[in-house]
Amino acid sequence: MSFAATLVLMAEIWVWIGLAISALFLTIGIGRVDEDARGAYVFRPLLVPGIILIWPLVLWRWWIIETGRDDWAKRHQPPRAFHAQAWMVLAVVIPLIFLAALAARQSTELLTPPVLLEAPQ
């Protein structure tokens, strides 16, 4: 089996598992995870593509909430602690990318001169 065929097979397996998880989660689990989703059936098909892609995270989050180990107060603490570091890195990386793009741009002297196009008659 070639590498490409293996990748396609793995993607198919991922999608089929994601479909099964989304069917289970949208029928059984979403009402337990989010009390605002109880009785709201119209938006659930919109969640299927996202659940197919991130089904391991959906399963993990569902398991954390079902076992009662969810600490909602600390849920957003790690991303907020990372923001200062991310801003410092972006403050350096974005100007470097801009300067690299300016240095790598093509010289306009080697290009052919522009030609005035006329409308067809």
PDB file of N, CA and C in Angstrom:
ATOM      1  N   MET A   1       0.854  -1.176   0.000  1.00  0.00           N
ATOM      2  CA  MET A   1       0.000   0.000   0.000  1.00  0.00           C
ATOM      3  C   MET A   1       0.897   1.236   0.000  1.00  0.00           C
ATOM      4  N   SER A   2       0.583   2.167  -0.875  1.00  0.00           N
ATOM      5  CA  SER A   2       1.400   3.371  -0.977  1.00  0.00           C
ATOM      6  C   SER A   2       1.108   4.326   0.178  1.00  0.00           C
ATOM      7  N   PHE A   3       1.982   5.298   0.306  1.00  0.00           N
ATOM      8  CA  PHE A   3       1.836   6.280   1.375  1.00  0.00           C
ATOM      9  C   PHE A   3       0.547   7.082   1.207  1.00  0.00           C
ATOM     10  N   ALA A   4       0.234   7.463  -0.030  1.00  0.00           N
ATOM     11  CA  ALA A   4      -0.986   8.234  -0.289  1.00  0.00           C
ATOM     12  C   ALA A   4      -2.229   7.419   0.052  1.00  0.00           C
ATOM     13  N   ALA A   5      -2.225   6.149  -0.309  1.00  0.00           N
ATOM     14  CA  ALA A   5      -3.374   5.294   0.006  1.00  0.00           C
ATOM     15  C   ALA A   5      -3.527   5.122   1.512  1.00  0.00           C
ATOM     16  N   THR A   6      -2.406   5.047   2.214  1.00  0.00           N
ATOM     17  CA  THR A   6      -2.464   4.943   3.675  1.00  0.00           C
ATOM     18  C   THR A   6      -3.050   6.211   4.287  1.00  0.00           C
ATOM     19  N   LEU A   7      -2.641   7.374   3.770  1.00  0.00           N
ATOM     20  CA  LEU A   7      -3.196   8.632   4.273  1.00  0.00           C
ATOM     21  C   LEU A   7      -4.695   8.731   4.017  1.00  0.00           C
ATOM     22  N   VAL A   8      -5.123   8.314   2.831  1.00  0.00           N
ATOM     23  CA  VAL A   8      -6.552   8.353   2.511  1.00  0.00           C
ATOM     24  C   VAL A   8      -7.324   7.405   3.414  1.00  0.00           C
ATOM     25  N   LEU A   9      -6.774   6.215   3.655  1.00  0.00           N
ATOM     26  CA  LEU A   9      -7.431   5.253   4.542  1.00  0.00           C
ATOM     27  C   LEU A   9      -7.532   5.801   5.961  1.00  0.00           C
ATOM     28  N   MET A  10      -6.460   6.427   6.448  1.00  0.00           N
ATOM     29  CA  MET A  10      -6.496   7.009   7.790  1.00  0.00           C
ATOM     30  C   MET A  10      -7.519   8.139   7.873  1.00  0.00           C
ATOM     31  N   ALA A  11      -7.624   8.952   6.823  1.00  0.00           N
ATOM     32  CA  ALA A  11      -8.619  10.029   6.808  1.00  0.00           C
ATOM     33  C   ALA A  11     -10.035   9.465   6.801  1.00  0.00           C
ATOM     34  N   GLU A  12     -10.258   8.387   6.055  1.00  0.00           N
ATOM     35  CA  GLU A  12     -11.581   7.762   6.037  1.00  0.00           C
ATOM     36  C   GLU A  12     -11.941   7.196   7.402  1.00  0.00           C
ATOM     37  N   ILE A  13     -10.989   6.556   8.045  1.00  0.00           N
ATOM     38  CA  ILE A  13     -11.238   6.015   9.385  1.00  0.00           C
ATOM     39  C   ILE A  13     -11.553   7.152  10.350  1.00  0.00           C
ATOM     40  N   TRP A  14     -10.792   8.252  10.265  1.00  0.00           N
ATOM     41  CA  TRP A  14     -11.027   9.417  11.126  1.00  0.00           C
ATOM     42  C   TRP A  14     -12.447   9.952  10.932  1.00  0.00           C
ATOM     43  N   VAL A  15     -12.883  10.060   9.677  1.00  0.00           N
ATOM     44  CA  VAL A  15     -14.215  10.593   9.387  1.00  0.00           C
ATOM     45  C   VAL A  15     -15.301   9.655   9.897  1.00  0.00           C
ATOM     46  N   TRP A  16     -15.147   8.348   9.701  1.00  0.00           N
ATOM     47  CA  TRP A  16     -16.168   7.404  10.166  1.00  0.00           C
ATOM     48  C   TRP A  16     -16.261   7.401  11.691  1.00  0.00           C
ATOM     49  N   ILE A  17     -15.134   7.452  12.368  1.00  0.00           N
ATOM     50  CA  ILE A  17     -15.167   7.537  13.835  1.00  0.00           C
ATOM     51  C   ILE A  17     -15.803   8.858  14.251  1.00  0.00           C
ATOM     52  N   GLY A  18     -15.454   9.941  13.570  1.00  0.00           N
ATOM     53  CA  GLY A  18     -16.046  11.242  13.870  1.00  0.00           C
ATOM     54  C   GLY A  18     -17.547  11.267  13.657  1.00  0.00           C
ATOM     55  N   LEU A  19     -18.031  10.599  12.605  1.00  0.00           N
ATOM     56  CA  LEU A  19     -19.475  10.517  12.386  1.00  0.00           C
ATOM     57  C   LEU A  19     -20.163   9.762  13.512  1.00  0.00           C
ATOM     58  N   ALA A  20     -19.561   8.661  13.944  1.00  0.00           N
ATOM     59  CA  ALA A  20     -20.151   7.886  15.041  1.00  0.00           C
ATOM     60  C   ALA A  20     -20.164   8.702  16.332  1.00  0.00           C
ATOM     61  N   ILE A  21     -19.064   9.375  16.624  1.00  0.00           N
ATOM     62  CA  ILE A  21     -18.990  10.191  17.839  1.00  0.00           C
ATOM     63  C   ILE A  21     -19.984  11.345  17.763  1.00  0.00           C
ATOM     64  N   SER A  22     -20.101  11.977  16.593  1.00  0.00           N
ATOM     65  CA  SER A  22     -21.046  13.091  16.482  1.00  0.00           C
ATOM     66  C   SER A  22     -22.480  12.615  16.653  1.00  0.00           C
ATOM     67  N   ALA A  23     -22.811  11.431  16.132  1.00  0.00           N
ATOM     68  CA  ALA A  23     -24.164  10.906  16.330  1.00  0.00           C
ATOM     69  C   ALA A  23     -24.431  10.648  17.807  1.00  0.00           C
ATOM     70  N   LEU A  24     -23.464  10.044  18.497  1.00  0.00           N
ATOM     71  CA  LEU A  24     -23.635   9.796  19.931  1.00  0.00           C
ATOM     72  C   LEU A  24     -23.697  11.093  20.726  1.00  0.00           C
ATOM     73  N   PHE A  25     -22.782  11.989  20.445  1.00  0.00           N
ATOM     74  CA  PHE A  25     -22.709  13.224  21.223  1.00  0.00           C
ATOM     75  C   PHE A  25     -23.938  14.099  21.011  1.00  0.00           C
ATOM     76  N   LEU A  26     -24.389  14.203  19.769  1.00  0.00           N
ATOM     77  CA  LEU A  26     -25.518  15.087  19.498  1.00  0.00           C
ATOM     78  C   LEU A  26     -26.848  14.512  19.965  1.00  0.00           C
ATOM     79  N   THR A  27     -26.933  13.200  20.160  1.00  0.00           N
ATOM     80  CA  THR A  27     -28.176  12.621  20.669  1.00  0.00           C
ATOM     81  C   THR A  27     -28.161  12.452  22.178  1.00  0.00           C
ATOM     82  N   ILE A  28     -27.022  12.094  22.751  1.00  0.00           N
ATOM     83  CA  ILE A  28     -26.949  11.794  24.183  1.00  0.00           C
ATOM     84  C   ILE A  28     -26.186  12.860  24.957  1.00  0.00           C
ATOM     85  N   GLY A  29     -25.028  13.241  24.476  1.00  0.00           N
ATOM     86  CA  GLY A  29     -24.095  14.005  25.292  1.00  0.00           C
ATOM     87  C   GLY A  29     -24.266  15.493  25.346  1.00  0.00           C
ATOM     88  N   ILE A  30     -24.790  16.109  24.303  1.00  0.00           N
ATOM     89  CA  ILE A  30     -24.792  17.571  24.283  1.00  0.00           C
ATOM     90  C   ILE A  30     -25.700  18.156  25.355  1.00  0.00           C
ATOM     91  N   GLY A  31     -26.770  17.472  25.674  1.00  0.00           N
ATOM     92  CA  GLY A  31     -27.643  17.945  26.747  1.00  0.00           C
ATOM     93  C   GLY A  31     -26.993  17.862  28.110  1.00  0.00           C
ATOM     94  N   ARG A  32     -26.067  16.933  28.282  1.00  0.00           N
ATOM     95  CA  ARG A  32     -25.354  16.795  29.550  1.00  0.00           C
ATOM     96  C   ARG A  32     -24.213  17.795  29.664  1.00  0.00           C
ATOM     97  N   VAL A  33     -23.592  18.104  28.546  1.00  0.00           N
ATOM     98  CA  VAL A  33     -22.451  19.016  28.551  1.00  0.00           C
ATOM     99  C   VAL A  33     -22.911  20.471  28.624  1.00  0.00           C
ATOM    100  N   ASP A  34     -23.933  20.813  27.874  1.00  0.00           N
ATOM    101  CA  ASP A  34     -24.418  22.198  27.822  1.00  0.00           C
ATOM    102  C   ASP A  34     -25.918  22.203  28.063  1.00  0.00           C
ATOM    103  N   GLU A  35     -26.314  22.729  29.200  1.00  0.00           N
ATOM    104  CA  GLU A  35     -27.738  22.721  29.537  1.00  0.00           C
ATOM    105  C   GLU A  35     -28.555  23.635  28.632  1.00  0.00           C
ATOM    106  N   ASP A  36     -27.927  24.617  27.987  1.00  0.00           N
ATOM    107  CA  ASP A  36     -28.653  25.479  27.052  1.00  0.00           C
ATOM    108  C   ASP A  36     -28.998  24.755  25.753  1.00  0.00           C
ATOM    109  N   ALA A  37     -28.350  23.633  25.481  1.00  0.00           N
ATOM    110  CA  ALA A  37     -28.605  22.886  24.252  1.00  0.00           C
ATOM    111  C   ALA A  37     -29.758  21.901  24.393  1.00  0.00           C
ATOM    112  N   ARG A  38     -30.295  21.760  25.568  1.00  0.00           N
ATOM    113  CA  ARG A  38     -31.416  20.839  25.770  1.00  0.00           C
ATOM    114  C   ARG A  38     -32.640  21.361  25.025  1.00  0.00           C
ATOM    115  N   GLY A  39     -33.186  20.519  24.184  1.00  0.00           N
ATOM    116  CA  GLY A  39     -34.376  20.889  23.426  1.00  0.00           C
ATOM    117  C   GLY A  39     -34.099  21.720  22.185  1.00  0.00           C
ATOM    118  N   ALA A  40     -32.878  22.115  21.959  1.00  0.00           N
ATOM    119  CA  ALA A  40     -32.525  22.904  20.772  1.00  0.00           C
ATOM    120  C   ALA A  40     -31.962  21.956  19.723  1.00  0.00           C
ATOM    121  N   TYR A  41     -32.816  21.527  18.806  1.00  0.00           N
ATOM    122  CA  TYR A  41     -32.414  20.513  17.835  1.00  0.00           C
ATOM    123  C   TYR A  41     -32.050  21.088  16.472  1.00  0.00           C
ATOM    124  N   VAL A  42     -32.387  22.333  16.227  1.00  0.00           N
ATOM    125  CA  VAL A  42     -32.171  22.901  14.900  1.00  0.00           C
ATOM    126  C   VAL A  42     -30.692  23.133  14.616  1.00  0.00           C
ATOM    127  N   PHE A  43     -29.918  23.540  15.606  1.00  0.00           N
ATOM    128  CA  PHE A  43     -28.517  23.881  15.363  1.00  0.00           C
ATOM    129  C   PHE A  43     -27.594  22.665  15.394  1.00  0.00           C
ATOM    130  N   ARG A  44     -28.068  21.534  15.851  1.00  0.00           N
ATOM    131  CA  ARG A  44     -27.194  20.365  16.012  1.00  0.00           C
ATOM    132  C   ARG A  44     -26.570  19.871  14.711  1.00  0.00           C
ATOM    133  N   PRO A  45     -27.283  19.834  13.584  1.00  0.00           N
ATOM    134  CA  PRO A  45     -26.600  19.424  12.337  1.00  0.00           C
ATOM    135  C   PRO A  45     -25.446  20.345  11.946  1.00  0.00           C
ATOM    136  N   LEU A  46     -25.489  21.588  12.399  1.00  0.00           N
ATOM    137  CA  LEU A  46     -24.391  22.508  12.091  1.00  0.00           C
ATOM    138  C   LEU A  46     -23.106  22.129  12.820  1.00  0.00           C
ATOM    139  N   LEU A  47     -23.225  21.382  13.897  1.00  0.00           N
ATOM    140  CA  LEU A  47     -22.057  20.984  14.680  1.00  0.00           C
ATOM    141  C   LEU A  47     -21.349  19.753  14.123  1.00  0.00           C
ATOM    142  N   VAL A  48     -22.009  19.012  13.240  1.00  0.00           N
ATOM    143  CA  VAL A  48     -21.456  17.739  12.755  1.00  0.00           C
ATOM    144  C   VAL A  48     -20.081  17.901  12.111  1.00  0.00           C
ATOM    145  N   PRO A  49     -19.843  18.837  11.179  1.00  0.00           N
ATOM    146  CA  PRO A  49     -18.499  18.932  10.586  1.00  0.00           C
ATOM    147  C   PRO A  49     -17.406  19.224  11.608  1.00  0.00           C
ATOM    148  N   GLY A  50     -17.694  20.088  12.562  1.00  0.00           N
ATOM    149  CA  GLY A  50     -16.699  20.393  13.589  1.00  0.00           C
ATOM    150  C   GLY A  50     -16.410  19.210  14.482  1.00  0.00           C
ATOM    151  N   ILE A  51     -17.453  18.467  14.850  1.00  0.00           N
ATOM    152  CA  ILE A  51     -17.248  17.296  15.707  1.00  0.00           C
ATOM    153  C   ILE A  51     -16.474  16.222  14.964  1.00  0.00           C
ATOM    154  N   ILE A  52     -16.720  16.081  13.659  1.00  0.00           N
ATOM    155  CA  ILE A  52     -15.966  15.098  12.871  1.00  0.00           C
ATOM    156  C   ILE A  52     -14.478  15.424  12.907  1.00  0.00           C
ATOM    157  N   LEU A  53     -14.131  16.696  12.829  1.00  0.00           N
ATOM    158  CA  LEU A  53     -12.720  17.074  12.815  1.00  0.00           C
ATOM    159  C   LEU A  53     -12.057  16.958  14.180  1.00  0.00           C
ATOM    160  N   ILE A  54     -12.749  17.349  15.241  1.00  0.00           N
ATOM    161  CA  ILE A  54     -12.108  17.388  16.563  1.00  0.00           C
ATOM    162  C   ILE A  54     -12.739  16.391  17.527  1.00  0.00           C
ATOM    163  N   TRP A  55     -13.136  15.220  17.026  1.00  0.00           N
ATOM    164  CA  TRP A  55     -13.821  14.258  17.883  1.00  0.00           C
ATOM    165  C   TRP A  55     -12.998  13.807  19.090  1.00  0.00           C
ATOM    166  N   PRO A  56     -11.663  13.715  19.050  1.00  0.00           N
ATOM    167  CA  PRO A  56     -10.959  13.350  20.291  1.00  0.00           C
ATOM    168  C   PRO A  56     -11.135  14.399  21.390  1.00  0.00           C
ATOM    169  N   LEU A  57     -11.127  15.679  21.022  1.00  0.00           N
ATOM    170  CA  LEU A  57     -11.335  16.731  22.019  1.00  0.00           C
ATOM    171  C   LEU A  57     -12.756  16.713  22.562  1.00  0.00           C
ATOM    172  N   VAL A  58     -13.724  16.412  21.686  1.00  0.00           N
ATOM    173  CA  VAL A  58     -15.116  16.322  22.131  1.00  0.00           C
ATOM    174  C   VAL A  58     -15.266  15.188  23.127  1.00  0.00           C
ATOM    175  N   LEU A  59     -14.678  14.032  22.828  1.00  0.00           N
ATOM    176  CA  LEU A  59     -14.746  12.894  23.758  1.00  0.00           C
ATOM    177  C   LEU A  59     -14.067  13.219  25.081  1.00  0.00           C
ATOM    178  N   TRP A  60     -12.896  13.842  25.020  1.00  0.00           N
ATOM    179  CA  TRP A  60     -12.168  14.180  26.244  1.00  0.00           C
ATOM    180  C   TRP A  60     -12.967  15.156  27.097  1.00  0.00           C
ATOM    181  N   ARG A  61     -13.506  16.199  26.462  1.00  0.00           N
ATOM    182  CA  ARG A  61     -14.281  17.198  27.206  1.00  0.00           C
ATOM    183  C   ARG A  61     -15.551  16.588  27.790  1.00  0.00           C
ATOM    184  N   TRP A  62     -16.209  15.729  27.031  1.00  0.00           N
ATOM    185  CA  TRP A  62     -17.418  15.050  27.491  1.00  0.00           C
ATOM    186  C   TRP A  62     -17.093  14.189  28.703  1.00  0.00           C
ATOM    187  N   TRP A  63     -15.971  13.475  28.650  1.00  0.00           N
ATOM    188  CA  TRP A  63     -15.563  12.613  29.765  1.00  0.00           C
ATOM    189  C   TRP A  63     -15.231  13.445  31.009  1.00  0.00           C
ATOM    190  N   ILE A  64     -14.536  14.567  30.834  1.00  0.00           N
ATOM    191  CA  ILE A  64     -14.198  15.444  31.976  1.00  0.00           C
ATOM    192  C   ILE A  64     -15.463  15.963  32.652  1.00  0.00           C
ATOM    193  N   ILE A  65     -16.430  16.392  31.874  1.00  0.00           N
ATOM    194  CA  ILE A  65     -17.657  16.937  32.450  1.00  0.00           C
ATOM    195  C   ILE A  65     -18.495  15.835  33.081  1.00  0.00           C
ATOM    196  N   GLU A  66     -18.563  14.675  32.454  1.00  0.00           N
ATOM    197  CA  GLU A  66     -19.355  13.566  33.004  1.00  0.00           C
ATOM    198  C   GLU A  66     -18.784  13.058  34.325  1.00  0.00           C
ATOM    199  N   THR A  67     -17.464  13.064  34.462  1.00  0.00           N
ATOM    200  CA  THR A  67     -16.857  12.573  35.705  1.00  0.00           C
ATOM    201  C   THR A  67     -16.823  13.637  36.792  1.00  0.00           C
ATOM    202  N   GLY A  68     -17.221  14.860  36.471  1.00  0.00           N
ATOM    203  CA  GLY A  68     -17.273  15.917  37.471  1.00  0.00           C
ATOM    204  C   GLY A  68     -15.933  16.540  37.793  1.00  0.00           C
ATOM    205  N   ARG A  69     -14.945  16.378  36.930  1.00  0.00           N
ATOM    206  CA  ARG A  69     -13.618  16.935  37.176  1.00  0.00           C
ATOM    207  C   ARG A  69     -13.423  18.289  36.513  1.00  0.00           C
ATOM    208  N   ASP A  70     -14.494  18.884  36.023  1.00  0.00           N
ATOM    209  CA  ASP A  70     -14.403  20.168  35.340  1.00  0.00           C
ATOM    210  C   ASP A  70     -14.258  21.295  36.354  1.00  0.00           C
ATOM    211  N   ASP A  71     -13.217  22.083  36.212  1.00  0.00           N
ATOM    212  CA  ASP A  71     -13.020  23.260  37.055  1.00  0.00           C
ATOM    213  C   ASP A  71     -13.178  24.481  36.158  1.00  0.00           C
ATOM    214  N   TRP A  72     -14.402  24.965  36.045  1.00  0.00           N
ATOM    215  CA  TRP A  72     -14.703  26.013  35.084  1.00  0.00           C
ATOM    216  C   TRP A  72     -13.974  27.312  35.390  1.00  0.00           C
ATOM    217  N   ALA A  73     -13.610  27.552  36.631  1.00  0.00           N
ATOM    218  CA  ALA A  73     -12.919  28.798  36.968  1.00  0.00           C
ATOM    219  C   ALA A  73     -11.500  28.832  36.397  1.00  0.00           C
ATOM    220  N   LYS A  74     -10.865  27.676  36.266  1.00  0.00           N
ATOM    221  CA  LYS A  74      -9.484  27.620  35.768  1.00  0.00           C
ATOM    222  C   LYS A  74      -9.410  27.240  34.292  1.00  0.00           C
ATOM    223  N   ARG A  75     -10.539  27.143  33.629  1.00  0.00           N
ATOM    224  CA  ARG A  75     -10.557  26.672  32.248  1.00  0.00           C
ATOM    225  C   ARG A  75      -9.768  27.576  31.314  1.00  0.00           C
ATOM    226  N   HIS A  76      -9.868  28.893  31.499  1.00  0.00           N
ATOM    227  CA  HIS A  76      -9.209  29.831  30.586  1.00  0.00           C
ATOM    228  C   HIS A  76      -7.914  30.399  31.153  1.00  0.00           C
ATOM    229  N   GLN A  77      -7.460  29.904  32.263  1.00  0.00           N
ATOM    230  CA  GLN A  77      -6.242  30.431  32.876  1.00  0.00           C
ATOM    231  C   GLN A  77      -4.987  30.152  32.041  1.00  0.00           C
ATOM    232  N   PRO A  78      -4.754  28.926  31.534  1.00  0.00           N
ATOM    233  CA  PRO A  78      -3.532  28.710  30.742  1.00  0.00           C
ATOM    234  C   PRO A  78      -3.452  29.560  29.476  1.00  0.00           C
ATOM    235  N   PRO A  79      -4.525  29.716  28.682  1.00  0.00           N
ATOM    236  CA  PRO A  79      -4.385  30.593  27.516  1.00  0.00           C
ATOM    237  C   PRO A  79      -4.093  32.043  27.886  1.00  0.00           C
ATOM    238  N   ARG A  80      -4.686  32.522  28.957  1.00  0.00           N
ATOM    239  CA  ARG A  80      -4.433  33.905  29.358  1.00  0.00           C
ATOM    240  C   ARG A  80      -2.998  34.094  29.827  1.00  0.00           C
ATOM    241  N   ALA A  81      -2.439  33.096  30.466  1.00  0.00           N
ATOM    242  CA  ALA A  81      -1.052  33.191  30.909  1.00  0.00           C
ATOM    243  C   ALA A  81      -0.098  33.195  29.714  1.00  0.00           C
ATOM    244  N   PHE A  82      -0.513  32.610  28.611  1.00  0.00           N
ATOM    245  CA  PHE A  82       0.321  32.508  27.422  1.00  0.00           C
ATOM    246  C   PHE A  82       0.251  33.764  26.552  1.00  0.00           C
ATOM    247  N   HIS A  83      -0.748  34.614  26.746  1.00  0.00           N
ATOM    248  CA  HIS A  83      -0.937  35.773  25.879  1.00  0.00           C
ATOM    249  C   HIS A  83       0.264  36.709  25.865  1.00  0.00           C
ATOM    250  N   ALA A  84       0.857  36.975  27.013  1.00  0.00           N
ATOM    251  CA  ALA A  84       1.995  37.903  27.063  1.00  0.00           C
ATOM    252  C   ALA A  84       3.172  37.366  26.251  1.00  0.00           C
ATOM    253  N   GLN A  85       3.435  36.075  26.366  1.00  0.00           N
ATOM    254  CA  GLN A  85       4.527  35.480  25.596  1.00  0.00           C
ATOM    255  C   GLN A  85       4.214  35.512  24.103  1.00  0.00           C
ATOM    256  N   ALA A  86       2.979  35.244  23.742  1.00  0.00           N
ATOM    257  CA  ALA A  86       2.599  35.256  22.329  1.00  0.00           C
ATOM    258  C   ALA A  86       2.753  36.654  21.739  1.00  0.00           C
ATOM    259  N   TRP A  87       2.368  37.684  22.486  1.00  0.00           N
ATOM    260  CA  TRP A  87       2.518  39.048  22.003  1.00  0.00           C
ATOM    261  C   TRP A  87       3.985  39.412  21.809  1.00  0.00           C
ATOM    262  N   MET A  88       4.840  38.968  22.703  1.00  0.00           N
ATOM    263  CA  MET A  88       6.270  39.266  22.570  1.00  0.00           C
ATOM    264  C   MET A  88       6.848  38.591  21.327  1.00  0.00           C
ATOM    265  N   VAL A  89       6.474  37.350  21.094  1.00  0.00           N
ATOM    266  CA  VAL A  89       6.969  36.635  19.915  1.00  0.00           C
ATOM    267  C   VAL A  89       6.443  37.285  18.641  1.00  0.00           C
ATOM    268  N   LEU A  90       5.157  37.615  18.615  1.00  0.00           N
ATOM    269  CA  LEU A  90       4.582  38.238  17.426  1.00  0.00           C
ATOM    270  C   LEU A  90       5.180  39.616  17.156  1.00  0.00           C
ATOM    271  N   ALA A  91       5.538  40.347  18.200  1.00  0.00           N
ATOM    272  CA  ALA A  91       6.142  41.666  18.023  1.00  0.00           C
ATOM    273  C   ALA A  91       7.494  41.568  17.330  1.00  0.00           C
ATOM    274  N   VAL A  92       8.157  40.449  17.445  1.00  0.00           N
ATOM    275  CA  VAL A  92       9.444  40.249  16.781  1.00  0.00           C
ATOM    276  C   VAL A  92       9.261  39.580  15.420  1.00  0.00           C
ATOM    277  N   VAL A  93       8.394  38.577  15.343  1.00  0.00           N
ATOM    278  CA  VAL A  93       8.265  37.770  14.131  1.00  0.00           C
ATOM    279  C   VAL A  93       7.609  38.546  12.989  1.00  0.00           C
ATOM    280  N   ILE A  94       6.575  39.314  13.263  1.00  0.00           N
ATOM    281  CA  ILE A  94       5.871  40.016  12.185  1.00  0.00           C
ATOM    282  C   ILE A  94       6.774  41.024  11.476  1.00  0.00           C
ATOM    283  N   PRO A  95       7.539  41.869  12.170  1.00  0.00           N
ATOM    284  CA  PRO A  95       8.469  42.744  11.438  1.00  0.00           C
ATOM    285  C   PRO A  95       9.550  41.965  10.680  1.00  0.00           C
ATOM    286  N   LEU A  96      10.007  40.845  11.235  1.00  0.00           N
ATOM    287  CA  LEU A  96      10.999  40.036  10.516  1.00  0.00           C
ATOM    288  C   LEU A  96      10.424  39.478   9.220  1.00  0.00           C
ATOM    289  N   ILE A  97       9.191  39.024   9.247  1.00  0.00           N
ATOM    290  CA  ILE A  97       8.545  38.519   8.028  1.00  0.00           C
ATOM    291  C   ILE A  97       8.400  39.646   7.008  1.00  0.00           C
ATOM    292  N   PHE A  98       8.007  40.816   7.474  1.00  0.00           N
ATOM    293  CA  PHE A  98       7.861  41.965   6.583  1.00  0.00           C
ATOM    294  C   PHE A  98       9.198  42.345   5.948  1.00  0.00           C
ATOM    295  N   LEU A  99      10.256  42.391   6.739  1.00  0.00           N
ATOM    296  CA  LEU A  99      11.580  42.725   6.208  1.00  0.00           C
ATOM    297  C   LEU A  99      12.090  41.648   5.253  1.00  0.00           C
ATOM    298  N   ALA A 100      11.833  40.386   5.558  1.00  0.00           N
ATOM    299  CA  ALA A 100      12.238  39.305   4.657  1.00  0.00           C
ATOM    300  C   ALA A 100      11.494  39.399   3.332  1.00  0.00           C
ATOM    301  N   ALA A 101      10.223  39.768   3.372  1.00  0.00           N
ATOM    302  CA  ALA A 101       9.462  39.927   2.132  1.00  0.00           C
ATOM    303  C   ALA A 101      10.000  41.085   1.304  1.00  0.00           C
ATOM    304  N   LEU A 102      10.376  42.176   1.962  1.00  0.00           N
ATOM    305  CA  LEU A 102      10.960  43.298   1.230  1.00  0.00           C
ATOM    306  C   LEU A 102      12.305  42.920   0.621  1.00  0.00           C
ATOM    307  N   ALA A 103      13.096  42.139   1.329  1.00  0.00           N
ATOM    308  CA  ALA A 103      14.407  41.736   0.820  1.00  0.00           C
ATOM    309  C   ALA A 103      14.284  40.722  -0.313  1.00  0.00           C
ATOM    310  N   ALA A 104      13.243  39.913  -0.308  1.00  0.00           N
ATOM    311  CA  ALA A 104      13.108  38.851  -1.304  1.00  0.00           C
ATOM    312  C   ALA A 104      12.310  39.270  -2.527  1.00  0.00           C
ATOM    313  N   ARG A 105      11.809  40.487  -2.566  1.00  0.00           N
ATOM    314  CA  ARG A 105      10.983  40.879  -3.703  1.00  0.00           C
ATOM    315  C   ARG A 105      11.822  40.991  -4.965  1.00  0.00           C
ATOM    316  N   GLN A 106      11.171  40.854  -6.089  1.00  0.00           N
ATOM    317  CA  GLN A 106      11.869  40.868  -7.368  1.00  0.00           C
ATOM    318  C   GLN A 106      12.234  42.289  -7.770  1.00  0.00           C
ATOM    319  N   SER A 107      13.301  42.364  -8.518  1.00  0.00           N
ATOM    320  CA  SER A 107      13.714  43.653  -9.050  1.00  0.00           C
ATOM    321  C   SER A 107      12.828  43.997 -10.241  1.00  0.00           C
ATOM    322  N   THR A 108      12.377  45.226 -10.301  1.00  0.00           N
ATOM    323  CA  THR A 108      11.509  45.633 -11.412  1.00  0.00           C
ATOM    324  C   THR A 108      12.300  45.953 -12.672  1.00  0.00           C
ATOM    325  N   GLU A 109      13.620  46.045 -12.587  1.00  0.00           N
ATOM    326  CA  GLU A 109      14.438  46.363 -13.761  1.00  0.00           C
ATOM    327  C   GLU A 109      14.487  45.200 -14.738  1.00  0.00           C
ATOM    328  N   LEU A 110      14.372  43.969 -14.256  1.00  0.00           N
ATOM    329  CA  LEU A 110      14.481  42.804 -15.120  1.00  0.00           C
ATOM    330  C   LEU A 110      13.163  42.452 -15.797  1.00  0.00           C
ATOM    331  N   LEU A 111      12.087  43.050 -15.373  1.00  0.00           N
ATOM    332  CA  LEU A 111      10.790  42.736 -15.950  1.00  0.00           C
ATOM    333  C   LEU A 111      10.618  43.443 -17.283  1.00  0.00           C
ATOM    334  N   THR A 112       9.765  42.910 -18.123  1.00  0.00           N
ATOM    335  CA  THR A 112       9.501  43.549 -19.413  1.00  0.00           C
ATOM    336  C   THR A 112       8.722  44.837 -19.185  1.00  0.00           C
ATOM    337  N   PRO A 113       8.927  45.806 -20.044  1.00  0.00           N
ATOM    338  CA  PRO A 113       8.217  47.075 -19.851  1.00  0.00           C
ATOM    339  C   PRO A 113       6.714  46.886 -20.069  1.00  0.00           C
ATOM    340  N   PRO A 114       5.925  47.706 -19.425  1.00  0.00           N
ATOM    341  CA  PRO A 114       4.479  47.566 -19.577  1.00  0.00           C
ATOM    342  C   PRO A 114       4.030  47.953 -20.982  1.00  0.00           C
ATOM    343  N   VAL A 115       2.987  47.296 -21.433  1.00  0.00           N
ATOM    344  CA  VAL A 115       2.437  47.554 -22.762  1.00  0.00           C
ATOM    345  C   VAL A 115       1.031  48.097 -22.579  1.00  0.00           C
ATOM    346  N   LEU A 116       0.728  49.165 -23.295  1.00  0.00           N
ATOM    347  CA  LEU A 116      -0.597  49.753 -23.223  1.00  0.00           C
ATOM    348  C   LEU A 116      -1.558  48.890 -24.026  1.00  0.00           C
ATOM    349  N   LEU A 117      -2.573  48.397 -23.377  1.00  0.00           N
ATOM    350  CA  LEU A 117      -3.563  47.568 -24.052  1.00  0.00           C
ATOM    351  C   LEU A 117      -4.673  48.448 -24.592  1.00  0.00           C
ATOM    352  N   GLU A 118      -5.097  48.115 -25.789  1.00  0.00           N
ATOM    353  CA  GLU A 118      -6.180  48.869 -26.407  1.00  0.00           C
ATOM    354  C   GLU A 118      -7.404  47.981 -26.528  1.00  0.00           C
ATOM    355  N   ALA A 119      -8.538  48.595 -26.532  1.00  0.00           N
ATOM    356  CA  ALA A 119      -9.786  47.845 -26.673  1.00  0.00           C
ATOM    357  C   ALA A 119      -9.878  47.277 -28.081  1.00  0.00           C
ATOM    358  N   PRO A 120     -10.429  46.070 -28.230  1.00  0.00           N
ATOM    359  CA  PRO A 120     -10.567  45.500 -29.578  1.00  0.00           C
ATOM    360  C   PRO A 120     -11.584  46.302 -30.398  1.00  0.00           C
ATOM    361  N   GLN A 121     -11.328  46.363 -31.709  1.00  0.00           N
ATOM    362  CA  GLN A 121     -12.219  47.154 -32.574  1.00  0.00           C
ATOM    363  C   GLN A 121     -13.113  46.282 -33.395  1.00  0.00           C
TER     364      GLN A 121
END
